[in-house]
Amino acid sequence: MGIYQITVDADSPPQILLGQNLGGAIVTKLEQVKQELISAADLAKAYNLSVTTIRNRLAAINQGTGGKHMYNPEMAHQMLKKDNSNKRGRKRAN
């Protein structure tokens, strides 16, 4: 009998229960791994934004130093996914 580890990266927790049979194996342990901090450059690639834009939008949750900007991936995702565009003026008349 061996111990195998499966890593799942998802927005919501998977529907796996203790004692469940998965591919001939029984689930005996479930735990959530603490996420590492992610850099502004990695977030810029993921969201197709500039590094400067990422740093400006996430200045409130910066956990790194002034030269090394590091962010919690969950909090960064929540702040970057909402639309921050400022709409000014009247609506366009078609």
PDB file of N, CA and C in Angstrom:
ATOM      1  N   MET A   1       0.849  -1.168   0.000  1.00  0.00           N
ATOM      2  CA  MET A   1       0.000   0.000   0.000  1.00  0.00           C
ATOM      3  C   MET A   1       0.895   1.230   0.000  1.00  0.00           C
ATOM      4  N   GLY A   2       0.631   2.157  -0.900  1.00  0.00           N
ATOM      5  CA  GLY A   2       1.417   3.377  -1.001  1.00  0.00           C
ATOM      6  C   GLY A   2       0.550   4.602  -0.760  1.00  0.00           C
ATOM      7  N   ILE A   3       1.203   5.705  -0.515  1.00  0.00           N
ATOM      8  CA  ILE A   3       0.510   6.974  -0.319  1.00  0.00           C
ATOM      9  C   ILE A   3       0.774   7.830  -1.549  1.00  0.00           C
ATOM     10  N   TYR A   4      -0.282   8.333  -2.155  1.00  0.00           N
ATOM     11  CA  TYR A   4      -0.186   9.156  -3.350  1.00  0.00           C
ATOM     12  C   TYR A   4      -0.842  10.492  -3.058  1.00  0.00           C
ATOM     13  N   GLN A   5      -0.288  11.553  -3.608  1.00  0.00           N
ATOM     14  CA  GLN A   5      -0.826  12.893  -3.391  1.00  0.00           C
ATOM     15  C   GLN A   5      -1.321  13.446  -4.712  1.00  0.00           C
ATOM     16  N   ILE A   6      -2.530  14.006  -4.697  1.00  0.00           N
ATOM     17  CA  ILE A   6      -3.120  14.625  -5.871  1.00  0.00           C
ATOM     18  C   ILE A   6      -3.286  16.101  -5.570  1.00  0.00           C
ATOM     19  N   THR A   7      -2.805  16.965  -6.447  1.00  0.00           N
ATOM     20  CA  THR A   7      -2.927  18.404  -6.263  1.00  0.00           C
ATOM     21  C   THR A   7      -3.986  18.928  -7.218  1.00  0.00           C
ATOM     22  N   VAL A   8      -4.945  19.677  -6.679  1.00  0.00           N
ATOM     23  CA  VAL A   8      -6.018  20.249  -7.470  1.00  0.00           C
ATOM     24  C   VAL A   8      -5.992  21.752  -7.273  1.00  0.00           C
ATOM     25  N   ASP A   9      -6.007  22.503  -8.378  1.00  0.00           N
ATOM     26  CA  ASP A   9      -6.044  23.961  -8.320  1.00  0.00           C
ATOM     27  C   ASP A   9      -7.395  24.391  -8.885  1.00  0.00           C
ATOM     28  N   ALA A  10      -8.248  24.947  -8.022  1.00  0.00           N
ATOM     29  CA  ALA A  10      -9.600  25.312  -8.451  1.00  0.00           C
ATOM     30  C   ALA A  10     -10.078  26.524  -7.675  1.00  0.00           C
ATOM     31  N   ASP A  11     -11.084  27.218  -8.227  1.00  0.00           N
ATOM     32  CA  ASP A  11     -11.671  28.375  -7.551  1.00  0.00           C
ATOM     33  C   ASP A  11     -12.541  27.956  -6.374  1.00  0.00           C
ATOM     34  N   SER A  12     -13.150  26.797  -6.479  1.00  0.00           N
ATOM     35  CA  SER A  12     -13.991  26.296  -5.388  1.00  0.00           C
ATOM     36  C   SER A  12     -13.490  24.906  -4.987  1.00  0.00           C
ATOM     37  N   PRO A  13     -13.756  24.485  -3.747  1.00  0.00           N
ATOM     38  CA  PRO A  13     -13.270  23.184  -3.305  1.00  0.00           C
ATOM     39  C   PRO A  13     -13.901  22.043  -4.107  1.00  0.00           C
ATOM     40  N   PRO A  14     -13.133  20.995  -4.413  1.00  0.00           N
ATOM     41  CA  PRO A  14     -13.693  19.862  -5.156  1.00  0.00           C
ATOM     42  C   PRO A  14     -14.679  19.067  -4.297  1.00  0.00           C
ATOM     43  N   GLN A  15     -15.564  18.362  -4.947  1.00  0.00           N
ATOM     44  CA  GLN A  15     -16.569  17.555  -4.262  1.00  0.00           C
ATOM     45  C   GLN A  15     -16.004  16.160  -3.996  1.00  0.00           C
ATOM     46  N   ILE A  16     -15.062  16.091  -3.071  1.00  0.00           N
ATOM     47  CA  ILE A  16     -14.433  14.832  -2.686  1.00  0.00           C
ATOM     48  C   ILE A  16     -14.681  14.635  -1.200  1.00  0.00           C
ATOM     49  N   LEU A  17     -15.080  13.439  -0.822  1.00  0.00           N
ATOM     50  CA  LEU A  17     -15.390  13.138   0.569  1.00  0.00           C
ATOM     51  C   LEU A  17     -14.429  12.100   1.111  1.00  0.00           C
ATOM     52  N   LEU A  18     -14.213  12.134   2.426  1.00  0.00           N
ATOM     53  CA  LEU A  18     -13.387  11.117   3.064  1.00  0.00           C
ATOM     54  C   LEU A  18     -14.055   9.756   2.911  1.00  0.00           C
ATOM     55  N   GLY A  19     -13.276   8.758   2.606  1.00  0.00           N
ATOM     56  CA  GLY A  19     -13.810   7.416   2.417  1.00  0.00           C
ATOM     57  C   GLY A  19     -14.308   7.157   1.008  1.00  0.00           C
ATOM     58  N   GLN A  20     -14.308   8.172   0.151  1.00  0.00           N
ATOM     59  CA  GLN A  20     -14.792   8.018  -1.226  1.00  0.00           C
ATOM     60  C   GLN A  20     -13.783   7.215  -2.040  1.00  0.00           C
ATOM     61  N   ASN A  21     -14.277   6.416  -2.968  1.00  0.00           N
ATOM     62  CA  ASN A  21     -13.438   5.615  -3.846  1.00  0.00           C
ATOM     63  C   ASN A  21     -13.166   6.412  -5.115  1.00  0.00           C
ATOM     64  N   LEU A  22     -11.895   6.760  -5.346  1.00  0.00           N
ATOM     65  CA  LEU A  22     -11.485   7.502  -6.540  1.00  0.00           C
ATOM     66  C   LEU A  22     -10.512   6.664  -7.349  1.00  0.00           C
ATOM     67  N   GLY A  23     -10.947   6.146  -8.445  1.00  0.00           N
ATOM     68  CA  GLY A  23     -10.061   5.380  -9.317  1.00  0.00           C
ATOM     69  C   GLY A  23      -9.420   4.180  -8.649  1.00  0.00           C
ATOM     70  N   GLY A  24     -10.134   3.540  -7.754  1.00  0.00           N
ATOM     71  CA  GLY A  24      -9.613   2.362  -7.075  1.00  0.00           C
ATOM     72  C   GLY A  24      -8.877   2.667  -5.780  1.00  0.00           C
ATOM     73  N   ALA A  25      -8.842   3.922  -5.369  1.00  0.00           N
ATOM     74  CA  ALA A  25      -8.181   4.307  -4.116  1.00  0.00           C
ATOM     75  C   ALA A  25      -9.203   4.936  -3.175  1.00  0.00           C
ATOM     76  N   ILE A  26      -8.974   4.797  -1.883  1.00  0.00           N
ATOM     77  CA  ILE A  26      -9.866   5.362  -0.873  1.00  0.00           C
ATOM     78  C   ILE A  26      -9.259   6.669  -0.351  1.00  0.00           C
ATOM     79  N   VAL A  27     -10.071   7.731  -0.292  1.00  0.00           N
ATOM     80  CA  VAL A  27      -9.625   9.027   0.222  1.00  0.00           C
ATOM     81  C   VAL A  27      -9.552   8.941   1.741  1.00  0.00           C
ATOM     82  N   THR A  28      -8.352   9.198   2.302  1.00  0.00           N
ATOM     83  CA  THR A  28      -8.171   9.110   3.755  1.00  0.00           C
ATOM     84  C   THR A  28      -7.859  10.452   4.394  1.00  0.00           C
ATOM     85  N   LYS A  29      -7.449  11.428   3.610  1.00  0.00           N
ATOM     86  CA  LYS A  29      -7.066  12.720   4.188  1.00  0.00           C
ATOM     87  C   LYS A  29      -7.326  13.823   3.177  1.00  0.00           C
ATOM     88  N   LEU A  30      -7.921  14.921   3.639  1.00  0.00           N
ATOM     89  CA  LEU A  30      -8.129  16.113   2.822  1.00  0.00           C
ATOM     90  C   LEU A  30      -7.601  17.306   3.595  1.00  0.00           C
ATOM     91  N   GLU A  31      -6.808  18.141   2.948  1.00  0.00           N
ATOM     92  CA  GLU A  31      -6.339  19.352   3.603  1.00  0.00           C
ATOM     93  C   GLU A  31      -6.070  20.419   2.546  1.00  0.00           C
ATOM     94  N   GLN A  32      -6.243  21.664   2.948  1.00  0.00           N
ATOM     95  CA  GLN A  32      -5.991  22.782   2.056  1.00  0.00           C
ATOM     96  C   GLN A  32      -4.591  23.307   2.348  1.00  0.00           C
ATOM     97  N   VAL A  33      -3.798  23.446   1.314  1.00  0.00           N
ATOM     98  CA  VAL A  33      -2.426  23.902   1.462  1.00  0.00           C
ATOM     99  C   VAL A  33      -2.411  25.427   1.463  1.00  0.00           C
ATOM    100  N   LYS A  34      -1.632  26.007   2.370  1.00  0.00           N
ATOM    101  CA  LYS A  34      -1.504  27.460   2.424  1.00  0.00           C
ATOM    102  C   LYS A  34      -0.834  27.937   1.151  1.00  0.00           C
ATOM    103  N   GLN A  35      -1.417  28.950   0.531  1.00  0.00           N
ATOM    104  CA  GLN A  35      -0.894  29.429  -0.737  1.00  0.00           C
ATOM    105  C   GLN A  35       0.292  30.356  -0.519  1.00  0.00           C
ATOM    106  N   GLU A  36       1.219  30.265  -1.424  1.00  0.00           N
ATOM    107  CA  GLU A  36       2.387  31.137  -1.412  1.00  0.00           C
ATOM    108  C   GLU A  36       1.987  32.499  -1.988  1.00  0.00           C
ATOM    109  N   LEU A  37       2.770  33.506  -1.693  1.00  0.00           N
ATOM    110  CA  LEU A  37       2.536  34.828  -2.259  1.00  0.00           C
ATOM    111  C   LEU A  37       2.939  34.821  -3.724  1.00  0.00           C
ATOM    112  N   ILE A  38       2.276  35.655  -4.506  1.00  0.00           N
ATOM    113  CA  ILE A  38       2.529  35.710  -5.942  1.00  0.00           C
ATOM    114  C   ILE A  38       3.040  37.107  -6.298  1.00  0.00           C
ATOM    115  N   SER A  39       3.919  37.193  -7.266  1.00  0.00           N
ATOM    116  CA  SER A  39       4.534  38.470  -7.622  1.00  0.00           C
ATOM    117  C   SER A  39       3.650  39.257  -8.579  1.00  0.00           C
ATOM    118  N   ALA A  40       3.964  40.541  -8.700  1.00  0.00           N
ATOM    119  CA  ALA A  40       3.217  41.417  -9.603  1.00  0.00           C
ATOM    120  C   ALA A  40       3.421  40.993 -11.052  1.00  0.00           C
ATOM    121  N   ALA A  41       4.597  40.493 -11.385  1.00  0.00           N
ATOM    122  CA  ALA A  41       4.869  40.049 -12.750  1.00  0.00           C
ATOM    123  C   ALA A  41       4.009  38.839 -13.129  1.00  0.00           C
ATOM    124  N   ASP A  42       3.844  37.911 -12.198  1.00  0.00           N
ATOM    125  CA  ASP A  42       3.001  36.744 -12.472  1.00  0.00           C
ATOM    126  C   ASP A  42       1.541  37.148 -12.647  1.00  0.00           C
ATOM    127  N   LEU A  43       1.077  38.085 -11.819  1.00  0.00           N
ATOM    128  CA  LEU A  43      -0.302  38.572 -11.956  1.00  0.00           C
ATOM    129  C   LEU A  43      -0.488  39.328 -13.271  1.00  0.00           C
ATOM    130  N   ALA A  44       0.527  40.066 -13.696  1.00  0.00           N
ATOM    131  CA  ALA A  44       0.448  40.805 -14.960  1.00  0.00           C
ATOM    132  C   ALA A  44       0.280  39.849 -16.134  1.00  0.00           C
ATOM    133  N   LYS A  45       0.979  38.714 -16.095  1.00  0.00           N
ATOM    134  CA  LYS A  45       0.833  37.713 -17.160  1.00  0.00           C
ATOM    135  C   LYS A  45      -0.562  37.088 -17.124  1.00  0.00           C
ATOM    136  N   ALA A  46      -1.051  36.790 -15.937  1.00  0.00           N
ATOM    137  CA  ALA A  46      -2.335  36.100 -15.805  1.00  0.00           C
ATOM    138  C   ALA A  46      -3.507  36.980 -16.213  1.00  0.00           C
ATOM    139  N   TYR A  47      -3.450  38.280 -15.911  1.00  0.00           N
ATOM    140  CA  TYR A  47      -4.578  39.173 -16.177  1.00  0.00           C
ATOM    141  C   TYR A  47      -4.358  40.074 -17.383  1.00  0.00           C
ATOM    142  N   ASN A  48      -3.241  39.907 -18.071  1.00  0.00           N
ATOM    143  CA  ASN A  48      -2.929  40.679 -19.269  1.00  0.00           C
ATOM    144  C   ASN A  48      -2.963  42.187 -18.982  1.00  0.00           C
ATOM    145  N   LEU A  49      -2.346  42.580 -17.868  1.00  0.00           N
ATOM    146  CA  LEU A  49      -2.220  43.972 -17.477  1.00  0.00           C
ATOM    147  C   LEU A  49      -0.742  44.276 -17.280  1.00  0.00           C
ATOM    148  N   SER A  50      -0.398  45.552 -17.212  1.00  0.00           N
ATOM    149  CA  SER A  50       0.998  45.908 -16.971  1.00  0.00           C
ATOM    150  C   SER A  50       1.331  45.746 -15.493  1.00  0.00           C
ATOM    151  N   VAL A  51       2.601  45.582 -15.210  1.00  0.00           N
ATOM    152  CA  VAL A  51       3.059  45.418 -13.834  1.00  0.00           C
ATOM    153  C   VAL A  51       2.748  46.676 -13.022  1.00  0.00           C
ATOM    154  N   THR A  52       2.890  47.842 -13.643  1.00  0.00           N
ATOM    155  CA  THR A  52       2.588  49.104 -12.960  1.00  0.00           C
ATOM    156  C   THR A  52       1.115  49.181 -12.584  1.00  0.00           C
ATOM    157  N   THR A  53       0.231  48.743 -13.458  1.00  0.00           N
ATOM    158  CA  THR A  53      -1.207  48.735 -13.164  1.00  0.00           C
ATOM    159  C   THR A  53      -1.514  47.799 -12.010  1.00  0.00           C
ATOM    160  N   ILE A  54      -0.904  46.633 -12.009  1.00  0.00           N
ATOM    161  CA  ILE A  54      -1.097  45.667 -10.917  1.00  0.00           C
ATOM    162  C   ILE A  54      -0.645  46.284  -9.598  1.00  0.00           C
ATOM    163  N   ARG A  55       0.518  46.904  -9.586  1.00  0.00           N
ATOM    164  CA  ARG A  55       1.043  47.510  -8.355  1.00  0.00           C
ATOM    165  C   ARG A  55       0.143  48.630  -7.853  1.00  0.00           C
ATOM    166  N   ASN A  56      -0.402  49.436  -8.766  1.00  0.00           N
ATOM    167  CA  ASN A  56      -1.277  50.536  -8.362  1.00  0.00           C
ATOM    168  C   ASN A  56      -2.602  50.022  -7.799  1.00  0.00           C
ATOM    169  N   ARG A  57      -3.193  49.035  -8.454  1.00  0.00           N
ATOM    170  CA  ARG A  57      -4.492  48.520  -8.006  1.00  0.00           C
ATOM    171  C   ARG A  57      -4.398  47.730  -6.703  1.00  0.00           C
ATOM    172  N   LEU A  58      -3.269  47.063  -6.480  1.00  0.00           N
ATOM    173  CA  LEU A  58      -3.127  46.198  -5.311  1.00  0.00           C
ATOM    174  C   LEU A  58      -2.208  46.776  -4.237  1.00  0.00           C
ATOM    175  N   ALA A  59      -2.029  48.074  -4.231  1.00  0.00           N
ATOM    176  CA  ALA A  59      -1.143  48.708  -3.245  1.00  0.00           C
ATOM    177  C   ALA A  59      -1.615  48.454  -1.820  1.00  0.00           C
ATOM    178  N   ALA A  60      -2.899  48.325  -1.619  1.00  0.00           N
ATOM    179  CA  ALA A  60      -3.449  48.135  -0.272  1.00  0.00           C
ATOM    180  C   ALA A  60      -3.115  46.760   0.307  1.00  0.00           C
ATOM    181  N   ILE A  61      -2.871  45.760  -0.522  1.00  0.00           N
ATOM    182  CA  ILE A  61      -2.623  44.404  -0.013  1.00  0.00           C
ATOM    183  C   ILE A  61      -1.200  43.934  -0.262  1.00  0.00           C
ATOM    184  N   ASN A  62      -0.287  44.846  -0.570  1.00  0.00           N
ATOM    185  CA  ASN A  62       1.107  44.495  -0.814  1.00  0.00           C
ATOM    186  C   ASN A  62       1.729  43.928   0.459  1.00  0.00           C
ATOM    187  N   GLN A  63       2.296  42.739   0.380  1.00  0.00           N
ATOM    188  CA  GLN A  63       2.922  42.103   1.530  1.00  0.00           C
ATOM    189  C   GLN A  63       4.434  42.016   1.364  1.00  0.00           C
ATOM    190  N   GLY A  64       4.949  42.598   0.296  1.00  0.00           N
ATOM    191  CA  GLY A  64       6.384  42.607   0.074  1.00  0.00           C
ATOM    192  C   GLY A  64       6.964  43.964   0.428  1.00  0.00           C
ATOM    193  N   THR A  65       8.189  44.199  -0.007  1.00  0.00           N
ATOM    194  CA  THR A  65       8.837  45.483   0.232  1.00  0.00           C
ATOM    195  C   THR A  65       8.543  46.416  -0.933  1.00  0.00           C
ATOM    196  N   GLY A  66       9.119  47.614  -0.884  1.00  0.00           N
ATOM    197  CA  GLY A  66       8.914  48.565  -1.970  1.00  0.00           C
ATOM    198  C   GLY A  66       9.464  48.086  -3.297  1.00  0.00           C
ATOM    199  N   GLY A  67      10.546  47.308  -3.262  1.00  0.00           N
ATOM    200  CA  GLY A  67      11.138  46.807  -4.499  1.00  0.00           C
ATOM    201  C   GLY A  67      10.595  45.459  -4.928  1.00  0.00           C
ATOM    202  N   LYS A  68      10.021  44.719  -3.999  1.00  0.00           N
ATOM    203  CA  LYS A  68       9.507  43.387  -4.327  1.00  0.00           C
ATOM    204  C   LYS A  68       8.041  43.331  -3.909  1.00  0.00           C
ATOM    205  N   HIS A  69       7.158  43.427  -4.849  1.00  0.00           N
ATOM    206  CA  HIS A  69       5.724  43.473  -4.589  1.00  0.00           C
ATOM    207  C   HIS A  69       5.167  42.059  -4.629  1.00  0.00           C
ATOM    208  N   MET A  70       4.661  41.583  -3.493  1.00  0.00           N
ATOM    209  CA  MET A  70       4.115  40.231  -3.373  1.00  0.00           C
ATOM    210  C   MET A  70       2.688  40.321  -2.846  1.00  0.00           C
ATOM    211  N   TYR A  71       1.806  39.466  -3.364  1.00  0.00           N
ATOM    212  CA  TYR A  71       0.391  39.543  -3.023  1.00  0.00           C
ATOM    213  C   TYR A  71      -0.183  38.167  -2.740  1.00  0.00           C
ATOM    214  N   ASN A  72      -1.226  38.128  -1.906  1.00  0.00           N
ATOM    215  CA  ASN A  72      -1.995  36.913  -1.665  1.00  0.00           C
ATOM    216  C   ASN A  72      -2.821  36.658  -2.927  1.00  0.00           C
ATOM    217  N   PRO A  73      -2.706  35.481  -3.553  1.00  0.00           N
ATOM    218  CA  PRO A  73      -3.398  35.248  -4.826  1.00  0.00           C
ATOM    219  C   PRO A  73      -4.921  35.349  -4.741  1.00  0.00           C
ATOM    220  N   GLU A  74      -5.520  34.909  -3.635  1.00  0.00           N
ATOM    221  CA  GLU A  74      -6.981  34.968  -3.522  1.00  0.00           C
ATOM    222  C   GLU A  74      -7.479  36.411  -3.438  1.00  0.00           C
ATOM    223  N   MET A  75      -6.826  37.209  -2.599  1.00  0.00           N
ATOM    224  CA  MET A  75      -7.232  38.605  -2.459  1.00  0.00           C
ATOM    225  C   MET A  75      -6.972  39.386  -3.744  1.00  0.00           C
ATOM    226  N   ALA A  76      -5.853  39.096  -4.411  1.00  0.00           N
ATOM    227  CA  ALA A  76      -5.526  39.769  -5.661  1.00  0.00           C
ATOM    228  C   ALA A  76      -6.566  39.442  -6.732  1.00  0.00           C
ATOM    229  N   HIS A  77      -6.987  38.193  -6.795  1.00  0.00           N
ATOM    230  CA  HIS A  77      -7.994  37.787  -7.774  1.00  0.00           C
ATOM    231  C   HIS A  77      -9.305  38.535  -7.545  1.00  0.00           C
ATOM    232  N   GLN A  78      -9.718  38.659  -6.284  1.00  0.00           N
ATOM    233  CA  GLN A  78     -10.959  39.361  -5.970  1.00  0.00           C
ATOM    234  C   GLN A  78     -10.885  40.828  -6.365  1.00  0.00           C
ATOM    235  N   MET A  79      -9.740  41.453  -6.148  1.00  0.00           N
ATOM    236  CA  MET A  79      -9.615  42.869  -6.459  1.00  0.00           C
ATOM    237  C   MET A  79      -9.450  43.128  -7.955  1.00  0.00           C
ATOM    238  N   LEU A  80      -8.825  42.208  -8.670  1.00  0.00           N
ATOM    239  CA  LEU A  80      -8.584  42.426 -10.093  1.00  0.00           C
ATOM    240  C   LEU A  80      -9.757  42.006 -10.977  1.00  0.00           C
ATOM    241  N   LYS A  81     -10.606  41.116 -10.507  1.00  0.00           N
ATOM    242  CA  LYS A  81     -11.697  40.650 -11.362  1.00  0.00           C
ATOM    243  C   LYS A  81     -12.847  41.642 -11.445  1.00  0.00           C
ATOM    244  N   LYS A  82     -12.997  42.515 -10.428  1.00  0.00           N
ATOM    245  CA  LYS A  82     -14.088  43.483 -10.501  1.00  0.00           C
ATOM    246  C   LYS A  82     -13.710  44.612 -11.444  1.00  0.00           C
ATOM    247  N   ASP A  83     -14.696  45.154 -12.116  1.00  0.00           N
ATOM    248  CA  ASP A  83     -14.484  46.189 -13.121  1.00  0.00           C
ATOM    249  C   ASP A  83     -14.252  47.525 -12.426  1.00  0.00           C
ATOM    250  N   ASN A  84     -13.068  48.107 -12.630  1.00  0.00           N
ATOM    251  CA  ASN A  84     -12.717  49.368 -11.987  1.00  0.00           C
ATOM    252  C   ASN A  84     -12.769  50.551 -12.944  1.00  0.00           C
ATOM    253  N   SER A  85     -13.429  50.375 -14.078  1.00  0.00           N
ATOM    254  CA  SER A  85     -13.454  51.471 -15.034  1.00  0.00           C
ATOM    255  C   SER A  85     -14.408  52.564 -14.565  1.00  0.00           C
ATOM    256  N   ASN A  86     -13.975  53.803 -14.746  1.00  0.00           N
ATOM    257  CA  ASN A  86     -14.799  54.954 -14.391  1.00  0.00           C
ATOM    258  C   ASN A  86     -15.522  55.430 -15.637  1.00  0.00           C
ATOM    259  N   LYS A  87     -16.829  55.348 -15.614  1.00  0.00           N
ATOM    260  CA  LYS A  87     -17.594  55.786 -16.764  1.00  0.00           C
ATOM    261  C   LYS A  87     -18.074  57.199 -16.488  1.00  0.00           C
ATOM    262  N   ARG A  88     -17.748  58.088 -17.392  1.00  0.00           N
ATOM    263  CA  ARG A  88     -18.085  59.499 -17.222  1.00  0.00           C
ATOM    264  C   ARG A  88     -18.970  59.943 -18.375  1.00  0.00           C
ATOM    265  N   GLY A  89     -19.708  60.991 -18.119  1.00  0.00           N
ATOM    266  CA  GLY A  89     -20.516  61.584 -19.182  1.00  0.00           C
ATOM    267  C   GLY A  89     -21.807  60.830 -19.416  1.00  0.00           C
ATOM    268  N   ARG A  90     -22.549  61.313 -20.353  1.00  0.00           N
ATOM    269  CA  ARG A  90     -23.840  60.673 -20.634  1.00  0.00           C
ATOM    270  C   ARG A  90     -23.649  59.472 -21.529  1.00  0.00           C
ATOM    271  N   LYS A  91     -24.680  58.632 -21.572  1.00  0.00           N
ATOM    272  CA  LYS A  91     -24.624  57.443 -22.409  1.00  0.00           C
ATOM    273  C   LYS A  91     -24.647  57.844 -23.875  1.00  0.00           C
ATOM    274  N   ARG A  92     -24.068  56.997 -24.658  1.00  0.00           N
ATOM    275  CA  ARG A  92     -23.992  57.249 -26.082  1.00  0.00           C
ATOM    276  C   ARG A  92     -25.367  57.073 -26.710  1.00  0.00           C
ATOM    277  N   ALA A  93     -25.759  58.000 -27.574  1.00  0.00           N
ATOM    278  CA  ALA A  93     -27.039  57.906 -28.271  1.00  0.00           C
ATOM    279  C   ALA A  93     -26.812  57.284 -29.632  1.00  0.00           C
ATOM    280  N   ASN A  94     -27.510  56.189 -29.889  1.00  0.00           N
ATOM    281  CA  ASN A  94     -27.334  55.500 -31.180  1.00  0.00           C
ATOM    282  C   ASN A  94     -28.390  55.923 -32.150  1.00  0.00           C
TER     283      ASN A  94
END
